[in-house]
Amino acid sequence: MRILLADDNPEVRSALRLLLEHEEGLQIVGEAHDVRSMLEQLSSRPFDVVLLDWELPTVRSLHLLRVMRYLRPDVRVVALSGRLNARGESLSAGADAFVSKGDPPTALLSVLRDWVKERKTEKE
C-alpha cells in the first residue's frame, strides 16, 4: 500500500516513517506538512492510504476530509490525533479508521496490516 503522511510536525512524520518503512506491503511515497502540499500530492500522485493529522492547521479536518473524498474517493484515511474525543468526530466525518497518537505503534500497524491482507485477498 502506498502511503501519504500528512502531519505538520516533522518529528511525527519521522516517527511514522521509521515505524512503517520496514513493514512488508507498506511504502511511504509522500509526506505533507500542510493542507496545500497534501492536496497537491493527493491529486497528482497515486496513494492508497493517507495518515492524516486530524489537527492539521488552516482547515478544519471535517471539511478537508470532504475535499479529499471528492478528489480521491478510493483512498483510505486514518485520522491521527492526540485528542481522544477526535475519534467520534473523525469517524463520523468519514475517516476509515482512527488511531490516537498516544496509542502504542501496534494500533496503527494493526489497521494497516488488516488493509494489506484485505487487498491481497481481493487480488486472489
C-alpha atoms as a PDB file:
ATOM      1  CA  MET A   1       0.000   0.000   0.000  1.00  0.00           C
ATOM      2  CA  ARG A   2       1.268   3.435  -0.936  1.00  0.00           C
ATOM      3  CA  ILE A   3       1.035   5.864   1.961  1.00  0.00           C
ATOM      4  CA  LEU A   4       0.983   9.645   2.250  1.00  0.00           C
ATOM      5  CA  LEU A   5       1.985  11.026   5.658  1.00  0.00           C
ATOM      6  CA  ALA A   6       0.204  14.320   6.390  1.00  0.00           C
ATOM      7  CA  ASP A   7       1.279  15.940   9.652  1.00  0.00           C
ATOM      8  CA  ASP A   8       2.653  19.404  10.373  1.00  0.00           C
ATOM      9  CA  ASN A   9       5.057  18.019  12.980  1.00  0.00           C
ATOM     10  CA  PRO A  10       8.288  16.755  11.366  1.00  0.00           C
ATOM     11  CA  GLU A  11       9.030  14.540  14.390  1.00  0.00           C
ATOM     12  CA  VAL A  12       5.691  12.776  13.992  1.00  0.00           C
ATOM     13  CA  ARG A  13       6.273  12.257  10.268  1.00  0.00           C
ATOM     14  CA  SER A  14       9.749  10.912  11.001  1.00  0.00           C
ATOM     15  CA  ALA A  15       8.455   8.527  13.680  1.00  0.00           C
ATOM     16  CA  LEU A  16       5.723   7.268  11.342  1.00  0.00           C
ATOM     17  CA  ARG A  17       8.257   6.749   8.560  1.00  0.00           C
ATOM     18  CA  LEU A  18      10.575   4.804  10.893  1.00  0.00           C
ATOM     19  CA  LEU A  19       7.669   2.671  12.079  1.00  0.00           C
ATOM     20  CA  LEU A  20       6.312   1.866   8.629  1.00  0.00           C
ATOM     21  CA  GLU A  21       9.223   1.795   6.205  1.00  0.00           C
ATOM     22  CA  HIS A  22      10.291  -1.747   7.067  1.00  0.00           C
ATOM     23  CA  GLU A  23       6.783  -3.134   7.204  1.00  0.00           C
ATOM     24  CA  GLU A  24       6.002  -5.592   4.413  1.00  0.00           C
ATOM     25  CA  GLY A  25       3.383  -4.351   1.976  1.00  0.00           C
ATOM     26  CA  LEU A  26       3.682  -0.701   3.025  1.00  0.00           C
ATOM     27  CA  GLN A  27       5.517   2.025   1.158  1.00  0.00           C
ATOM     28  CA  ILE A  28       5.784   5.689   2.186  1.00  0.00           C
ATOM     29  CA  VAL A  29       5.572   7.574  -1.095  1.00  0.00           C
ATOM     30  CA  GLY A  30       4.878  11.088   0.135  1.00  0.00           C
ATOM     31  CA  GLU A  31       4.967  13.471   3.052  1.00  0.00           C
ATOM     32  CA  ALA A  32       2.997  16.664   3.543  1.00  0.00           C
ATOM     33  CA  HIS A  33       3.479  19.281   6.223  1.00  0.00           C
ATOM     34  CA  ASP A  34       0.360  21.293   5.413  1.00  0.00           C
ATOM     35  CA  VAL A  35      -3.011  21.080   3.704  1.00  0.00           C
ATOM     36  CA  ARG A  36      -1.793  22.620   0.468  1.00  0.00           C
ATOM     37  CA  SER A  37       1.034  20.152  -0.119  1.00  0.00           C
ATOM     38  CA  MET A  38      -1.190  17.246   0.923  1.00  0.00           C
ATOM     39  CA  LEU A  39      -3.906  18.166  -1.595  1.00  0.00           C
ATOM     40  CA  GLU A  40      -1.335  18.766  -4.353  1.00  0.00           C
ATOM     41  CA  GLN A  41       0.183  15.344  -3.801  1.00  0.00           C
ATOM     42  CA  LEU A  42      -3.174  13.649  -3.405  1.00  0.00           C
ATOM     43  CA  SER A  43      -4.361  14.948  -6.758  1.00  0.00           C
ATOM     44  CA  SER A  44      -1.112  14.286  -8.640  1.00  0.00           C
ATOM     45  CA  ARG A  45       0.311  11.032  -7.246  1.00  0.00           C
ATOM     46  CA  PRO A  46      -1.080   7.561  -6.568  1.00  0.00           C
ATOM     47  CA  PHE A  47      -1.816   6.772  -2.908  1.00  0.00           C
ATOM     48  CA  ASP A  48      -3.841   4.060  -1.232  1.00  0.00           C
ATOM     49  CA  VAL A  49      -3.794   5.484   2.296  1.00  0.00           C
ATOM     50  CA  VAL A  50      -3.425   8.907   3.901  1.00  0.00           C
ATOM     51  CA  LEU A  51      -2.325   9.114   7.513  1.00  0.00           C
ATOM     52  CA  LEU A  52      -3.986  12.424   8.353  1.00  0.00           C
ATOM     53  CA  ASP A  53      -3.202  14.569  11.363  1.00  0.00           C
ATOM     54  CA  TRP A  54      -6.745  15.468  12.433  1.00  0.00           C
ATOM     55  CA  GLU A  55      -5.496  18.837  13.682  1.00  0.00           C
ATOM     56  CA  LEU A  56      -3.623  19.823  10.523  1.00  0.00           C
ATOM     57  CA  PRO A  57      -3.583  23.671  10.616  1.00  0.00           C
ATOM     58  CA  THR A  58      -5.592  26.092   8.453  1.00  0.00           C
ATOM     59  CA  VAL A  59      -8.613  23.959   7.523  1.00  0.00           C
ATOM     60  CA  ARG A  60     -10.970  22.010   9.735  1.00  0.00           C
ATOM     61  CA  SER A  61     -10.335  18.336   9.103  1.00  0.00           C
ATOM     62  CA  LEU A  62     -14.042  17.710   8.674  1.00  0.00           C
ATOM     63  CA  HIS A  63     -14.032  19.951   5.583  1.00  0.00           C
ATOM     64  CA  LEU A  64     -10.665  18.662   4.444  1.00  0.00           C
ATOM     65  CA  LEU A  65     -11.911  15.083   4.500  1.00  0.00           C
ATOM     66  CA  ARG A  66     -14.828  16.045   2.240  1.00  0.00           C
ATOM     67  CA  VAL A  67     -12.413  17.580  -0.270  1.00  0.00           C
ATOM     68  CA  MET A  68     -10.185  14.510  -0.072  1.00  0.00           C
ATOM     69  CA  ARG A  69     -13.154  12.215  -0.725  1.00  0.00           C
ATOM     70  CA  TYR A  70     -14.120  14.327  -3.732  1.00  0.00           C
ATOM     71  CA  LEU A  71     -10.599  14.213  -5.172  1.00  0.00           C
ATOM     72  CA  ARG A  72      -9.866  10.585  -4.351  1.00  0.00           C
ATOM     73  CA  PRO A  73     -12.858   8.572  -3.141  1.00  0.00           C
ATOM     74  CA  ASP A  74     -10.762   5.393  -3.350  1.00  0.00           C
ATOM     75  CA  VAL A  75      -8.116   6.492  -0.826  1.00  0.00           C
ATOM     76  CA  ARG A  76      -8.427   5.232   2.731  1.00  0.00           C
ATOM     77  CA  VAL A  77      -7.888   7.699   5.545  1.00  0.00           C
ATOM     78  CA  VAL A  78      -6.535   7.030   9.014  1.00  0.00           C
ATOM     79  CA  ALA A  79      -7.188  10.022  11.251  1.00  0.00           C
ATOM     80  CA  LEU A  80      -4.441  10.588  13.813  1.00  0.00           C
ATOM     81  CA  SER A  81      -4.889  12.759  16.872  1.00  0.00           C
ATOM     82  CA  GLY A  82      -3.688  13.222  20.406  1.00  0.00           C
ATOM     83  CA  ARG A  83      -7.257  14.163  21.374  1.00  0.00           C
ATOM     84  CA  LEU A  84      -9.278  11.046  22.151  1.00  0.00           C
ATOM     85  CA  ASN A  85     -12.545  12.901  21.558  1.00  0.00           C
ATOM     86  CA  ALA A  86     -11.469  13.317  17.913  1.00  0.00           C
ATOM     87  CA  ARG A  87     -12.243   9.611  17.386  1.00  0.00           C
ATOM     88  CA  GLY A  88     -16.002  10.081  17.074  1.00  0.00           C
ATOM     89  CA  GLU A  89     -15.694  13.282  15.063  1.00  0.00           C
ATOM     90  CA  SER A  90     -13.268  11.792  12.537  1.00  0.00           C
ATOM     91  CA  LEU A  91     -15.157   8.533  12.071  1.00  0.00           C
ATOM     92  CA  SER A  92     -18.473  10.393  11.713  1.00  0.00           C
ATOM     93  CA  ALA A  93     -16.858  12.634   9.117  1.00  0.00           C
ATOM     94  CA  GLY A  94     -15.875   9.605   7.037  1.00  0.00           C
ATOM     95  CA  ALA A  95     -12.393   8.596   8.113  1.00  0.00           C
ATOM     96  CA  ASP A  96     -11.887   4.869   7.639  1.00  0.00           C
ATOM     97  CA  ALA A  97     -10.049   4.482  10.938  1.00  0.00           C
ATOM     98  CA  PHE A  98      -8.832   6.471  13.909  1.00  0.00           C
ATOM     99  CA  VAL A  99      -5.617   5.960  15.854  1.00  0.00           C
ATOM    100  CA  SER A 100      -4.665   8.048  18.845  1.00  0.00           C
ATOM    101  CA  LYS A 101      -1.142   9.441  18.778  1.00  0.00           C
ATOM    102  CA  GLY A 102      -0.913   8.114  22.336  1.00  0.00           C
ATOM    103  CA  ASP A 103      -1.709   4.530  21.317  1.00  0.00           C
ATOM    104  CA  PRO A 104       1.100   2.004  21.038  1.00  0.00           C
ATOM    105  CA  PRO A 105       2.519   1.700  17.496  1.00  0.00           C
ATOM    106  CA  THR A 106       0.855  -1.693  17.147  1.00  0.00           C
ATOM    107  CA  ALA A 107      -2.548   0.042  16.925  1.00  0.00           C
ATOM    108  CA  LEU A 108      -1.651   1.746  13.642  1.00  0.00           C
ATOM    109  CA  LEU A 109       0.205  -1.306  12.364  1.00  0.00           C
ATOM    110  CA  SER A 110      -2.845  -3.474  13.046  1.00  0.00           C
ATOM    111  CA  VAL A 111      -5.115  -1.235  10.951  1.00  0.00           C
ATOM    112  CA  LEU A 112      -2.668  -1.108   8.058  1.00  0.00           C
ATOM    113  CA  ARG A 113      -1.848  -4.828   8.174  1.00  0.00           C
ATOM    114  CA  ASP A 114      -5.560  -5.653   8.011  1.00  0.00           C
ATOM    115  CA  TRP A 115      -5.908  -3.468   4.920  1.00  0.00           C
ATOM    116  CA  VAL A 116      -2.868  -5.116   3.293  1.00  0.00           C
ATOM    117  CA  LYS A 117      -4.392  -8.562   3.939  1.00  0.00           C
ATOM    118  CA  GLU A 118      -7.719  -7.364   2.557  1.00  0.00           C
ATOM    119  CA  ARG A 119      -6.047  -6.168  -0.653  1.00  0.00           C
ATOM    120  CA  LYS A 120      -4.223  -9.467  -1.082  1.00  0.00           C
ATOM    121  CA  THR A 121      -7.487 -11.363  -0.660  1.00  0.00           C
ATOM    122  CA  GLU A 122      -9.239  -9.132  -3.220  1.00  0.00           C
ATOM    123  CA  LYS A 123      -6.494  -9.775  -5.769  1.00  0.00           C
ATOM    124  CA  GLU A 124      -6.692 -13.545  -5.416  1.00  0.00           C
END
